[in-house]
Every structure is written in structure tokens, then in C-alpha cells.
Amino acid sequence: KQWYQRRVRAASEQCRYLCDYQHIMNVIKNLVRSDRDGDFLLGVQSVQDLCPIFLGLDGINYLRYASFYLELLKQVKSRHPELYCDFMNGRHVIKCQKKQFNAVSADMKLEQTIQRSAK
């Protein structure tokens, strides 16, 4: 697979652009999936995968805050083992129904609730 990707990337500028675009979309897809499924480790991995993208796109502030956030997430296991256990059980997101792929982060749920009550 890596041999094929190197060959395709070397083919043309458009192929490099499309490969980079596909990589960015896969990282974003994994980030959304981690929120929707309540998968804490996938979320940590997705933030880690976003850092080189922020660097490459000159998003210095995004990179600074993402790397700080990533370090905090990595320290949860050693500093707050009970919280880490809760996060591993999917308690870092809010689920209103027992269905799959419907969890949302706390800030998103708060925004949805405010928007619903404003109608």
C-alpha cells in the first residue's frame, strides 16, 4: 500500500493534492466517529493525526492548542485514573438514546438544547 501511495504521489501535483485531501478527510472522519461512538482512544489518535496537518497548513494557533490538548489527554490516565476509566467507557460524550452512532460532545449537546429552547 505504501509503495502504491508513493508511486501515485510522484505521478503528478494533482495526485499529491488528492492524496492529501483524502488523508485529511479520513482524519476528520475518524474524529467525528470517535465523538459519535464514544471512542476515547480514537479521539486522542485523531487529535494527534491533526497536528501535522495544522503544521502543514500554517495553522499555528490550531497546532499550539491541539498539542496542549493532546498532552492533557495523555496525562489523564496517570493523573486521574477514575476519569480515564470513565472516558474509556464512553462517558466523555452524551447519549440521549441507546442507539449507536448518536453520541455528541457536551458542548454540542448544550448548544442543541439552547437552540431547541429558543424556537
PDB file of N, CA and C in Angstrom:
ATOM      1  N   LYS A   1       0.828  -1.193   0.000  1.00  0.00           N
ATOM      2  CA  LYS A   1       0.000   0.000   0.000  1.00  0.00           C
ATOM      3  C   LYS A   1       0.870   1.253   0.000  1.00  0.00           C
ATOM      4  N   GLN A   2       1.919   1.281   0.820  1.00  0.00           N
ATOM      5  CA  GLN A   2       2.776   2.459   0.867  1.00  0.00           C
ATOM      6  C   GLN A   2       3.521   2.656  -0.452  1.00  0.00           C
ATOM      7  N   TRP A   3       3.919   1.558  -1.084  1.00  0.00           N
ATOM      8  CA  TRP A   3       4.591   1.657  -2.373  1.00  0.00           C
ATOM      9  C   TRP A   3       3.666   2.302  -3.383  1.00  0.00           C
ATOM     10  N   TYR A   4       2.406   1.883  -3.396  1.00  0.00           N
ATOM     11  CA  TYR A   4       1.429   2.428  -4.328  1.00  0.00           C
ATOM     12  C   TYR A   4       1.200   3.916  -4.055  1.00  0.00           C
ATOM     13  N   GLN A   5       1.079   4.291  -2.783  1.00  0.00           N
ATOM     14  CA  GLN A   5       0.850   5.702  -2.446  1.00  0.00           C
ATOM     15  C   GLN A   5       2.032   6.568  -2.876  1.00  0.00           C
ATOM     16  N   ARG A   6       3.254   6.078  -2.664  1.00  0.00           N
ATOM     17  CA  ARG A   6       4.422   6.844  -3.102  1.00  0.00           C
ATOM     18  C   ARG A   6       4.432   7.002  -4.617  1.00  0.00           C
ATOM     19  N   ARG A   7       4.068   5.957  -5.324  1.00  0.00           N
ATOM     20  CA  ARG A   7       4.058   5.999  -6.785  1.00  0.00           C
ATOM     21  C   ARG A   7       2.992   6.973  -7.289  1.00  0.00           C
ATOM     22  N   VAL A   8       1.803   6.921  -6.684  1.00  0.00           N
ATOM     23  CA  VAL A   8       0.722   7.809  -7.103  1.00  0.00           C
ATOM     24  C   VAL A   8       1.087   9.264  -6.793  1.00  0.00           C
ATOM     25  N   ARG A   9       1.663   9.505  -5.596  1.00  0.00           N
ATOM     26  CA  ARG A   9       2.031  10.872  -5.214  1.00  0.00           C
ATOM     27  C   ARG A   9       3.097  11.449  -6.145  1.00  0.00           C
ATOM     28  N   ALA A  10       3.960  10.572  -6.648  1.00  0.00           N
ATOM     29  CA  ALA A  10       5.019  11.031  -7.546  1.00  0.00           C
ATOM     30  C   ALA A  10       4.498  11.277  -8.959  1.00  0.00           C
ATOM     31  N   ALA A  11       3.308  10.813  -9.262  1.00  0.00           N
ATOM     32  CA  ALA A  11       2.788  10.909 -10.618  1.00  0.00           C
ATOM     33  C   ALA A  11       2.519  12.353 -11.035  1.00  0.00           C
ATOM     34  N   SER A  12       1.877  13.112 -10.178  1.00  0.00           N
ATOM     35  CA  SER A  12       1.558  14.490 -10.555  1.00  0.00           C
ATOM     36  C   SER A  12       1.169  15.300  -9.325  1.00  0.00           C
ATOM     37  N   GLU A  13       1.101  16.593  -9.539  1.00  0.00           N
ATOM     38  CA  GLU A  13       0.694  17.519  -8.475  1.00  0.00           C
ATOM     39  C   GLU A  13      -0.754  17.258  -8.066  1.00  0.00           C
ATOM     40  N   GLN A  14      -1.591  16.964  -9.027  1.00  0.00           N
ATOM     41  CA  GLN A  14      -2.998  16.699  -8.731  1.00  0.00           C
ATOM     42  C   GLN A  14      -3.154  15.419  -7.888  1.00  0.00           C
ATOM     43  N   CYS A  15      -2.366  14.415  -8.181  1.00  0.00           N
ATOM     44  CA  CYS A  15      -2.416  13.180  -7.390  1.00  0.00           C
ATOM     45  C   CYS A  15      -1.970  13.435  -5.950  1.00  0.00           C
ATOM     46  N   ARG A  16      -0.933  14.253  -5.774  1.00  0.00           N
ATOM     47  CA  ARG A  16      -0.498  14.613  -4.409  1.00  0.00           C
ATOM     48  C   ARG A  16      -1.608  15.353  -3.670  1.00  0.00           C
ATOM     49  N   TYR A  17      -2.238  16.288  -4.365  1.00  0.00           N
ATOM     50  CA  TYR A  17      -3.331  17.058  -3.762  1.00  0.00           C
ATOM     51  C   TYR A  17      -4.467  16.130  -3.343  1.00  0.00           C
ATOM     52  N   LEU A  18      -4.860  15.215  -4.219  1.00  0.00           N
ATOM     53  CA  LEU A  18      -5.964  14.305  -3.910  1.00  0.00           C
ATOM     54  C   LEU A  18      -5.613  13.349  -2.773  1.00  0.00           C
ATOM     55  N   CYS A  19      -4.368  12.875  -2.722  1.00  0.00           N
ATOM     56  CA  CYS A  19      -3.940  12.006  -1.620  1.00  0.00           C
ATOM     57  C   CYS A  19      -3.959  12.763  -0.296  1.00  0.00           C
ATOM     58  N   ASP A  20      -3.477  14.012  -0.311  1.00  0.00           N
ATOM     59  CA  ASP A  20      -3.509  14.825   0.911  1.00  0.00           C
ATOM     60  C   ASP A  20      -4.942  15.104   1.343  1.00  0.00           C
ATOM     61  N   TYR A  21      -5.792  15.415   0.385  1.00  0.00           N
ATOM     62  CA  TYR A  21      -7.201  15.680   0.680  1.00  0.00           C
ATOM     63  C   TYR A  21      -7.864  14.439   1.286  1.00  0.00           C
ATOM     64  N   GLN A  22      -7.593  13.289   0.717  1.00  0.00           N
ATOM     65  CA  GLN A  22      -8.161  12.040   1.227  1.00  0.00           C
ATOM     66  C   GLN A  22      -7.667  11.760   2.647  1.00  0.00           C
ATOM     67  N   HIS A  23      -6.409  12.031   2.913  1.00  0.00           N
ATOM     68  CA  HIS A  23      -5.860  11.827   4.258  1.00  0.00           C
ATOM     69  C   HIS A  23      -6.546  12.749   5.272  1.00  0.00           C
ATOM     70  N   ILE A  24      -6.713  14.023   4.909  1.00  0.00           N
ATOM     71  CA  ILE A  24      -7.376  14.973   5.804  1.00  0.00           C
ATOM     72  C   ILE A  24      -8.811  14.551   6.066  1.00  0.00           C
ATOM     73  N   MET A  25      -9.517  14.127   5.044  1.00  0.00           N
ATOM     74  CA  MET A  25     -10.909  13.700   5.213  1.00  0.00           C
ATOM     75  C   MET A  25     -11.001  12.447   6.096  1.00  0.00           C
ATOM     76  N   ASN A  26     -10.046  11.537   5.967  1.00  0.00           N
ATOM     77  CA  ASN A  26     -10.048  10.341   6.818  1.00  0.00           C
ATOM     78  C   ASN A  26      -9.810  10.695   8.278  1.00  0.00           C
ATOM     79  N   VAL A  27      -8.931  11.656   8.536  1.00  0.00           N
ATOM     80  CA  VAL A  27      -8.681  12.080   9.915  1.00  0.00           C
ATOM     81  C   VAL A  27      -9.931  12.737  10.495  1.00  0.00           C
ATOM     82  N   ILE A  28     -10.573  13.593   9.722  1.00  0.00           N
ATOM     83  CA  ILE A  28     -11.795  14.251  10.189  1.00  0.00           C
ATOM     84  C   ILE A  28     -12.899  13.220  10.412  1.00  0.00           C
ATOM     85  N   LYS A  29     -12.996  12.256   9.514  1.00  0.00           N
ATOM     86  CA  LYS A  29     -13.999  11.194   9.670  1.00  0.00           C
ATOM     87  C   LYS A  29     -13.766  10.418  10.959  1.00  0.00           C
ATOM     88  N   ASN A  30     -12.518  10.113  11.256  1.00  0.00           N
ATOM     89  CA  ASN A  30     -12.204   9.400  12.498  1.00  0.00           C
ATOM     90  C   ASN A  30     -12.506  10.246  13.726  1.00  0.00           C
ATOM     91  N   LEU A  31     -12.281  11.547  13.644  1.00  0.00           N
ATOM     92  CA  LEU A  31     -12.585  12.434  14.765  1.00  0.00           C
ATOM     93  C   LEU A  31     -14.088  12.469  15.038  1.00  0.00           C
ATOM     94  N   VAL A  32     -14.878  12.586  13.980  1.00  0.00           N
ATOM     95  CA  VAL A  32     -16.342  12.574  14.138  1.00  0.00           C
ATOM     96  C   VAL A  32     -16.802  11.219  14.658  1.00  0.00           C
ATOM     97  N   ARG A  33     -16.230  10.157  14.124  1.00  0.00           N
ATOM     98  CA  ARG A  33     -16.597   8.812  14.580  1.00  0.00           C
ATOM     99  C   ARG A  33     -16.270   8.600  16.053  1.00  0.00           C
ATOM    100  N   SER A  34     -15.144   9.142  16.492  1.00  0.00           N
ATOM    101  CA  SER A  34     -14.779   8.992  17.902  1.00  0.00           C
ATOM    102  C   SER A  34     -15.787   9.677  18.804  1.00  0.00           C
ATOM    103  N   ASP A  35     -16.291  10.829  18.384  1.00  0.00           N
ATOM    104  CA  ASP A  35     -17.333  11.516  19.152  1.00  0.00           C
ATOM    105  C   ASP A  35     -18.646  10.739  19.123  1.00  0.00           C
ATOM    106  N   ARG A  36     -19.052  10.328  17.951  1.00  0.00           N
ATOM    107  CA  ARG A  36     -20.351   9.656  17.800  1.00  0.00           C
ATOM    108  C   ARG A  36     -20.395   8.288  18.458  1.00  0.00           C
ATOM    109  N   ASP A  37     -19.271   7.586  18.472  1.00  0.00           N
ATOM    110  CA  ASP A  37     -19.230   6.253  19.082  1.00  0.00           C
ATOM    111  C   ASP A  37     -18.778   6.279  20.537  1.00  0.00           C
ATOM    112  N   GLY A  38     -18.247   7.412  20.980  1.00  0.00           N
ATOM    113  CA  GLY A  38     -17.727   7.491  22.343  1.00  0.00           C
ATOM    114  C   GLY A  38     -16.399   6.766  22.497  1.00  0.00           C
ATOM    115  N   ASP A  39     -15.605   6.739  21.440  1.00  0.00           N
ATOM    116  CA  ASP A  39     -14.312   6.042  21.441  1.00  0.00           C
ATOM    117  C   ASP A  39     -13.210   7.037  21.808  1.00  0.00           C
ATOM    118  N   PHE A  40     -12.797   7.021  23.063  1.00  0.00           N
ATOM    119  CA  PHE A  40     -11.828   7.987  23.574  1.00  0.00           C
ATOM    120  C   PHE A  40     -10.461   7.848  22.901  1.00  0.00           C
ATOM    121  N   LEU A  41      -9.979   6.633  22.751  1.00  0.00           N
ATOM    122  CA  LEU A  41      -8.644   6.427  22.167  1.00  0.00           C
ATOM    123  C   LEU A  41      -8.584   6.860  20.705  1.00  0.00           C
ATOM    124  N   LEU A  42      -9.668   6.633  19.968  1.00  0.00           N
ATOM    125  CA  LEU A  42      -9.711   7.093  18.580  1.00  0.00           C
ATOM    126  C   LEU A  42      -9.698   8.617  18.527  1.00  0.00           C
ATOM    127  N   GLY A  43     -10.347   9.253  19.490  1.00  0.00           N
ATOM    128  CA  GLY A  43     -10.325  10.717  19.550  1.00  0.00           C
ATOM    129  C   GLY A  43      -8.938  11.252  19.819  1.00  0.00           C
ATOM    130  N   VAL A  44      -8.222  10.619  20.743  1.00  0.00           N
ATOM    131  CA  VAL A  44      -6.842  11.029  21.036  1.00  0.00           C
ATOM    132  C   VAL A  44      -5.973  10.833  19.803  1.00  0.00           C
ATOM    133  N   GLN A  45      -6.109   9.696  19.146  1.00  0.00           N
ATOM    134  CA  GLN A  45      -5.327   9.428  17.935  1.00  0.00           C
ATOM    135  C   GLN A  45      -5.663  10.429  16.826  1.00  0.00           C
ATOM    136  N   SER A  46      -6.931  10.803  16.708  1.00  0.00           N
ATOM    137  CA  SER A  46      -7.335  11.762  15.678  1.00  0.00           C
ATOM    138  C   SER A  46      -6.735  13.135  15.926  1.00  0.00           C
ATOM    139  N   VAL A  47      -6.717  13.578  17.179  1.00  0.00           N
ATOM    140  CA  VAL A  47      -6.096  14.866  17.503  1.00  0.00           C
ATOM    141  C   VAL A  47      -4.605  14.806  17.195  1.00  0.00           C
ATOM    142  N   GLN A  48      -3.977  13.684  17.503  1.00  0.00           N
ATOM    143  CA  GLN A  48      -2.556  13.516  17.193  1.00  0.00           C
ATOM    144  C   GLN A  48      -2.320  13.550  15.689  1.00  0.00           C
ATOM    145  N   ASP A  49      -3.214  12.945  14.923  1.00  0.00           N
ATOM    146  CA  ASP A  49      -3.080  12.954  13.463  1.00  0.00           C
ATOM    147  C   ASP A  49      -3.331  14.339  12.864  1.00  0.00           C
ATOM    148  N   LEU A  50      -4.099  15.172  13.561  1.00  0.00           N
ATOM    149  CA  LEU A  50      -4.380  16.513  13.058  1.00  0.00           C
ATOM    150  C   LEU A  50      -3.198  17.471  13.226  1.00  0.00           C
ATOM    151  N   CYS A  51      -2.346  17.239  14.187  1.00  0.00           N
ATOM    152  CA  CYS A  51      -1.240  18.168  14.460  1.00  0.00           C
ATOM    153  C   CYS A  51      -0.326  18.394  13.251  1.00  0.00           C
ATOM    154  N   PRO A  52       0.137  17.355  12.545  1.00  0.00           N
ATOM    155  CA  PRO A  52       0.962  17.618  11.350  1.00  0.00           C
ATOM    156  C   PRO A  52       0.193  18.334  10.243  1.00  0.00           C
ATOM    157  N   ILE A  53      -1.117  18.105  10.186  1.00  0.00           N
ATOM    158  CA  ILE A  53      -1.933  18.801   9.185  1.00  0.00           C
ATOM    159  C   ILE A  53      -1.981  20.283   9.507  1.00  0.00           C
ATOM    160  N   PHE A  54      -2.181  20.626  10.779  1.00  0.00           N
ATOM    161  CA  PHE A  54      -2.181  22.033  11.184  1.00  0.00           C
ATOM    162  C   PHE A  54      -0.835  22.687  10.867  1.00  0.00           C
ATOM    163  N   LEU A  55       0.248  21.958  11.112  1.00  0.00           N
ATOM    164  CA  LEU A  55       1.576  22.487  10.831  1.00  0.00           C
ATOM    165  C   LEU A  55       1.753  22.725   9.332  1.00  0.00           C
ATOM    166  N   GLY A  56       1.337  21.762   8.528  1.00  0.00           N
ATOM    167  CA  GLY A  56       1.490  21.889   7.080  1.00  0.00           C
ATOM    168  C   GLY A  56       0.637  22.971   6.466  1.00  0.00           C
ATOM    169  N   LEU A  57      -0.492  23.282   7.098  1.00  0.00           N
ATOM    170  CA  LEU A  57      -1.390  24.312   6.569  1.00  0.00           C
ATOM    171  C   LEU A  57      -1.187  25.656   7.265  1.00  0.00           C
ATOM    172  N   ASP A  58      -0.097  25.774   8.014  1.00  0.00           N
ATOM    173  CA  ASP A  58       0.274  27.017   8.697  1.00  0.00           C
ATOM    174  C   ASP A  58      -0.795  27.461   9.705  1.00  0.00           C
ATOM    175  N   GLY A  59      -1.410  26.498  10.361  1.00  0.00           N
ATOM    176  CA  GLY A  59      -2.383  26.790  11.411  1.00  0.00           C
ATOM    177  C   GLY A  59      -1.696  26.750  12.763  1.00  0.00           C
ATOM    178  N   ILE A  60      -0.856  27.733  13.015  1.00  0.00           N
ATOM    179  CA  ILE A  60      -0.001  27.724  14.203  1.00  0.00           C
ATOM    180  C   ILE A  60      -0.833  27.725  15.489  1.00  0.00           C
ATOM    181  N   ASN A  61      -1.878  28.541  15.541  1.00  0.00           N
ATOM    182  CA  ASN A  61      -2.713  28.556  16.752  1.00  0.00           C
ATOM    183  C   ASN A  61      -3.423  27.231  16.947  1.00  0.00           C
ATOM    184  N   TYR A  62      -3.934  26.647  15.865  1.00  0.00           N
ATOM    185  CA  TYR A  62      -4.569  25.331  15.967  1.00  0.00           C
ATOM    186  C   TYR A  62      -3.561  24.297  16.472  1.00  0.00           C
ATOM    187  N   LEU A  63      -2.355  24.360  15.933  1.00  0.00           N
ATOM    188  CA  LEU A  63      -1.313  23.417  16.340  1.00  0.00           C
ATOM    189  C   LEU A  63      -0.958  23.599  17.811  1.00  0.00           C
ATOM    190  N   ARG A  64      -0.841  24.831  18.241  1.00  0.00           N
ATOM    191  CA  ARG A  64      -0.484  25.100  19.645  1.00  0.00           C
ATOM    192  C   ARG A  64      -1.543  24.546  20.592  1.00  0.00           C
ATOM    193  N   TYR A  65      -2.805  24.857  20.323  1.00  0.00           N
ATOM    194  CA  TYR A  65      -3.864  24.408  21.224  1.00  0.00           C
ATOM    195  C   TYR A  65      -4.120  22.907  21.114  1.00  0.00           C
ATOM    196  N   ALA A  66      -3.989  22.355  19.918  1.00  0.00           N
ATOM    197  CA  ALA A  66      -4.179  20.908  19.753  1.00  0.00           C
ATOM    198  C   ALA A  66      -3.089  20.124  20.460  1.00  0.00           C
ATOM    199  N   SER A  67      -1.852  20.596  20.392  1.00  0.00           N
ATOM    200  CA  SER A  67      -0.776  19.874  21.073  1.00  0.00           C
ATOM    201  C   SER A  67      -0.921  19.989  22.594  1.00  0.00           C
ATOM    202  N   PHE A  68      -1.372  21.145  23.079  1.00  0.00           N
ATOM    203  CA  PHE A  68      -1.623  21.297  24.508  1.00  0.00           C
ATOM    204  C   PHE A  68      -2.757  20.371  24.952  1.00  0.00           C
ATOM    205  N   TYR A  69      -3.834  20.350  24.170  1.00  0.00           N
ATOM    206  CA  TYR A  69      -4.975  19.472  24.455  1.00  0.00           C
ATOM    207  C   TYR A  69      -4.553  18.007  24.436  1.00  0.00           C
ATOM    208  N   LEU A  70      -3.714  17.648  23.471  1.00  0.00           N
ATOM    209  CA  LEU A  70      -3.233  16.277  23.350  1.00  0.00           C
ATOM    210  C   LEU A  70      -2.420  15.875  24.577  1.00  0.00           C
ATOM    211  N   GLU A  71      -1.567  16.758  25.051  1.00  0.00           N
ATOM    212  CA  GLU A  71      -0.787  16.455  26.255  1.00  0.00           C
ATOM    213  C   GLU A  71      -1.688  16.271  27.470  1.00  0.00           C
ATOM    214  N   LEU A  72      -2.719  17.093  27.589  1.00  0.00           N
ATOM    215  CA  LEU A  72      -3.666  16.931  28.701  1.00  0.00           C
ATOM    216  C   LEU A  72      -4.378  15.582  28.616  1.00  0.00           C
ATOM    217  N   LEU A  73      -4.774  15.201  27.405  1.00  0.00           N
ATOM    218  CA  LEU A  73      -5.460  13.918  27.236  1.00  0.00           C
ATOM    219  C   LEU A  73      -4.547  12.748  27.577  1.00  0.00           C
ATOM    220  N   LYS A  74      -3.286  12.861  27.226  1.00  0.00           N
ATOM    221  CA  LYS A  74      -2.341  11.779  27.521  1.00  0.00           C
ATOM    222  C   LYS A  74      -2.040  11.660  29.007  1.00  0.00           C
ATOM    223  N   GLN A  75      -2.202  12.740  29.756  1.00  0.00           N
ATOM    224  CA  GLN A  75      -1.923  12.720  31.185  1.00  0.00           C
ATOM    225  C   GLN A  75      -3.121  12.259  32.018  1.00  0.00           C
ATOM    226  N   VAL A  76      -4.278  12.141  31.412  1.00  0.00           N
ATOM    227  CA  VAL A  76      -5.481  11.751  32.158  1.00  0.00           C
ATOM    228  C   VAL A  76      -5.301  10.381  32.800  1.00  0.00           C
ATOM    229  N   LYS A  77      -4.693   9.448  32.090  1.00  0.00           N
ATOM    230  CA  LYS A  77      -4.542   8.079  32.602  1.00  0.00           C
ATOM    231  C   LYS A  77      -3.725   8.047  33.891  1.00  0.00           C
ATOM    232  N   SER A  78      -2.652   8.805  33.956  1.00  0.00           N
ATOM    233  CA  SER A  78      -1.799   8.764  35.145  1.00  0.00           C
ATOM    234  C   SER A  78      -2.289   9.692  36.256  1.00  0.00           C
ATOM    235  N   ARG A  79      -2.841  10.827  35.906  1.00  0.00           N
ATOM    236  CA  ARG A  79      -3.257  11.794  36.927  1.00  0.00           C
ATOM    237  C   ARG A  79      -4.666  11.547  37.477  1.00  0.00           C
ATOM    238  N   HIS A  80      -5.554  11.070  36.614  1.00  0.00           N
ATOM    239  CA  HIS A  80      -6.943  10.858  37.022  1.00  0.00           C
ATOM    240  C   HIS A  80      -7.428   9.492  36.520  1.00  0.00           C
ATOM    241  N   PRO A  81      -7.000   8.413  37.159  1.00  0.00           N
ATOM    242  CA  PRO A  81      -7.332   7.071  36.655  1.00  0.00           C
ATOM    243  C   PRO A  81      -8.833   6.783  36.630  1.00  0.00           C
ATOM    244  N   GLU A  82      -9.592   7.322  37.578  1.00  0.00           N
ATOM    245  CA  GLU A  82     -11.043   7.085  37.575  1.00  0.00           C
ATOM    246  C   GLU A  82     -11.700   7.786  36.385  1.00  0.00           C
ATOM    247  N   LEU A  83     -11.269   9.001  36.112  1.00  0.00           N
ATOM    248  CA  LEU A  83     -11.790   9.736  34.965  1.00  0.00           C
ATOM    249  C   LEU A  83     -11.413   9.029  33.666  1.00  0.00           C
ATOM    250  N   TYR A  84     -10.190   8.525  33.595  1.00  0.00           N
ATOM    251  CA  TYR A  84      -9.749   7.787  32.414  1.00  0.00           C
ATOM    252  C   TYR A  84     -10.619   6.548  32.201  1.00  0.00           C
ATOM    253  N   CYS A  85     -10.943   5.871  33.284  1.00  0.00           N
ATOM    254  CA  CYS A  85     -11.808   4.694  33.191  1.00  0.00           C
ATOM    255  C   CYS A  85     -13.193   5.080  32.659  1.00  0.00           C
ATOM    256  N   ASP A  86     -13.710   6.206  33.139  1.00  0.00           N
ATOM    257  CA  ASP A  86     -14.994   6.701  32.636  1.00  0.00           C
ATOM    258  C   ASP A  86     -14.904   7.051  31.153  1.00  0.00           C
ATOM    259  N   PHE A  87     -13.822   7.709  30.758  1.00  0.00           N
ATOM    260  CA  PHE A  87     -13.641   8.062  29.350  1.00  0.00           C
ATOM    261  C   PHE A  87     -13.571   6.812  28.481  1.00  0.00           C
ATOM    262  N   MET A  88     -12.885   5.788  28.969  1.00  0.00           N
ATOM    263  CA  MET A  88     -12.774   4.545  28.197  1.00  0.00           C
ATOM    264  C   MET A  88     -14.123   3.850  28.055  1.00  0.00           C
ATOM    265  N   ASN A  89     -15.026   4.089  28.992  1.00  0.00           N
ATOM    266  CA  ASN A  89     -16.375   3.521  28.915  1.00  0.00           C
ATOM    267  C   ASN A  89     -17.333   4.414  28.136  1.00  0.00           C
ATOM    268  N   GLY A  90     -16.824   5.470  27.497  1.00  0.00           N
ATOM    269  CA  GLY A  90     -17.646   6.313  26.646  1.00  0.00           C
ATOM    270  C   GLY A  90     -18.401   7.400  27.382  1.00  0.00           C
ATOM    271  N   ARG A  91     -17.964   7.742  28.574  1.00  0.00           N
ATOM    272  CA  ARG A  91     -18.690   8.746  29.346  1.00  0.00           C
ATOM    273  C   ARG A  91     -18.165  10.163  29.126  1.00  0.00           C
ATOM    274  N   HIS A  92     -17.424  10.383  28.075  1.00  0.00           N
ATOM    275  CA  HIS A  92     -16.985  11.740  27.742  1.00  0.00           C
ATOM    276  C   HIS A  92     -17.918  12.376  26.709  1.00  0.00           C
ATOM    277  N   VAL A  93     -18.930  11.634  26.299  1.00  0.00           N
ATOM    278  CA  VAL A  93     -19.946  12.138  25.378  1.00  0.00           C
ATOM    279  C   VAL A  93     -21.331  11.881  25.966  1.00  0.00           C
ATOM    280  N   ILE A  94     -22.333  12.513  25.389  1.00  0.00           N
ATOM    281  CA  ILE A  94     -23.699  12.387  25.890  1.00  0.00           C
ATOM    282  C   ILE A  94     -24.532  11.618  24.875  1.00  0.00           C
ATOM    283  N   LYS A  95     -25.234  10.613  25.364  1.00  0.00           N
ATOM    284  CA  LYS A  95     -26.149   9.831  24.532  1.00  0.00           C
ATOM    285  C   LYS A  95     -27.556   9.996  25.089  1.00  0.00           C
ATOM    286  N   CYS A  96     -28.481  10.372  24.253  1.00  0.00           N
ATOM    287  CA  CYS A  96     -29.874  10.518  24.691  1.00  0.00           C
ATOM    288  C   CYS A  96     -30.668   9.248  24.417  1.00  0.00           C
ATOM    289  N   GLN A  97     -30.202   8.426  23.492  1.00  0.00           N
ATOM    290  CA  GLN A  97     -30.876   7.184  23.148  1.00  0.00           C
ATOM    291  C   GLN A  97     -29.855   6.053  23.196  1.00  0.00           C
ATOM    292  N   LYS A  98     -30.331   4.835  23.251  1.00  0.00           N
ATOM    293  CA  LYS A  98     -29.449   3.668  23.336  1.00  0.00           C
ATOM    294  C   LYS A  98     -28.949   3.209  21.971  1.00  0.00           C
ATOM    295  N   LYS A  99     -29.231   3.953  20.929  1.00  0.00           N
ATOM    296  CA  LYS A  99     -28.781   3.590  19.592  1.00  0.00           C
ATOM    297  C   LYS A  99     -27.286   3.811  19.439  1.00  0.00           C
ATOM    298  N   GLN A 100     -26.733   3.315  18.334  1.00  0.00           N
ATOM    299  CA  GLN A 100     -25.319   3.511  18.046  1.00  0.00           C
ATOM    300  C   GLN A 100     -25.134   4.755  17.190  1.00  0.00           C
ATOM    301  N   PHE A 101     -23.944   5.324  17.265  1.00  0.00           N
ATOM    302  CA  PHE A 101     -23.523   6.458  16.447  1.00  0.00           C
ATOM    303  C   PHE A 101     -24.421   7.680  16.642  1.00  0.00           C
ATOM    304  N   ASN A 102     -24.831   7.950  17.889  1.00  0.00           N
ATOM    305  CA  ASN A 102     -25.646   9.130  18.132  1.00  0.00           C
ATOM    306  C   ASN A 102     -25.159   9.950  19.315  1.00  0.00           C
ATOM    307  N   ALA A 103     -23.982   9.688  19.817  1.00  0.00           N
ATOM    308  CA  ALA A 103     -23.444  10.455  20.935  1.00  0.00           C
ATOM    309  C   ALA A 103     -22.911  11.794  20.424  1.00  0.00           C
ATOM    310  N   VAL A 104     -22.969  12.801  21.288  1.00  0.00           N
ATOM    311  CA  VAL A 104     -22.416  14.107  20.954  1.00  0.00           C
ATOM    312  C   VAL A 104     -21.634  14.619  22.153  1.00  0.00           C
ATOM    313  N   SER A 105     -20.703  15.524  21.894  1.00  0.00           N
ATOM    314  CA  SER A 105     -19.926  16.097  22.990  1.00  0.00           C
ATOM    315  C   SER A 105     -20.812  17.013  23.830  1.00  0.00           C
ATOM    316  N   ALA A 106     -20.354  17.309  25.033  1.00  0.00           N
ATOM    317  CA  ALA A 106     -21.159  18.094  25.972  1.00  0.00           C
ATOM    318  C   ALA A 106     -21.462  19.492  25.440  1.00  0.00           C
ATOM    319  N   ASP A 107     -20.485  20.141  24.823  1.00  0.00           N
ATOM    320  CA  ASP A 107     -20.733  21.490  24.315  1.00  0.00           C
ATOM    321  C   ASP A 107     -21.722  21.484  23.154  1.00  0.00           C
ATOM    322  N   MET A 108     -21.666  20.444  22.324  1.00  0.00           N
ATOM    323  CA  MET A 108     -22.621  20.327  21.222  1.00  0.00           C
ATOM    324  C   MET A 108     -24.028  20.083  21.755  1.00  0.00           C
ATOM    325  N   LYS A 109     -24.150  19.242  22.773  1.00  0.00           N
ATOM    326  CA  LYS A 109     -25.463  18.963  23.355  1.00  0.00           C
ATOM    327  C   LYS A 109     -26.044  20.220  24.001  1.00  0.00           C
ATOM    328  N   LEU A 110     -25.206  20.994  24.665  1.00  0.00           N
ATOM    329  CA  LEU A 110     -25.652  22.244  25.270  1.00  0.00           C
ATOM    330  C   LEU A 110     -26.142  23.209  24.198  1.00  0.00           C
ATOM    331  N   GLU A 111     -25.403  23.321  23.109  1.00  0.00           N
ATOM    332  CA  GLU A 111     -25.818  24.197  22.012  1.00  0.00           C
ATOM    333  C   GLU A 111     -27.132  23.723  21.397  1.00  0.00           C
ATOM    334  N   GLN A 112     -27.288  22.402  21.201  1.00  0.00           N
ATOM    335  CA  GLN A 112     -28.535  21.871  20.656  1.00  0.00           C
ATOM    336  C   GLN A 112     -29.708  22.186  21.575  1.00  0.00           C
ATOM    337  N   THR A 113     -29.498  22.052  22.867  1.00  0.00           N
ATOM    338  CA  THR A 113     -30.565  22.313  23.846  1.00  0.00           C
ATOM    339  C   THR A 113     -30.953  23.781  23.839  1.00  0.00           C
ATOM    340  N   ILE A 114     -29.979  24.665  23.790  1.00  0.00           N
ATOM    341  CA  ILE A 114     -30.276  26.108  23.751  1.00  0.00           C
ATOM    342  C   ILE A 114     -31.009  26.461  22.468  1.00  0.00           C
ATOM    343  N   GLN A 115     -30.550  25.922  21.339  1.00  0.00           N
ATOM    344  CA  GLN A 115     -31.206  26.205  20.070  1.00  0.00           C
ATOM    345  C   GLN A 115     -32.633  25.672  20.047  1.00  0.00           C
ATOM    346  N   ARG A 116     -32.847  24.501  20.633  1.00  0.00           N
ATOM    347  CA  ARG A 116     -34.187  23.910  20.671  1.00  0.00           C
ATOM    348  C   ARG A 116     -35.126  24.755  21.530  1.00  0.00           C
ATOM    349  N   SER A 117     -34.622  25.267  22.648  1.00  0.00           N
ATOM    350  CA  SER A 117     -35.475  26.057  23.539  1.00  0.00           C
ATOM    351  C   SER A 117     -35.725  27.451  23.000  1.00  0.00           C
ATOM    352  N   ALA A 118     -34.892  27.941  22.092  1.00  0.00           N
ATOM    353  CA  ALA A 118     -35.067  29.272  21.524  1.00  0.00           C
ATOM    354  C   ALA A 118     -36.148  29.311  20.465  1.00  0.00           C
ATOM    355  N   LYS A 119     -36.548  28.171  19.967  1.00  0.00           N
ATOM    356  CA  LYS A 119     -37.585  28.116  18.913  1.00  0.00           C
ATOM    357  C   LYS A 119     -38.946  28.387  19.460  1.00  0.00           C
TER     358      LYS A 119
END
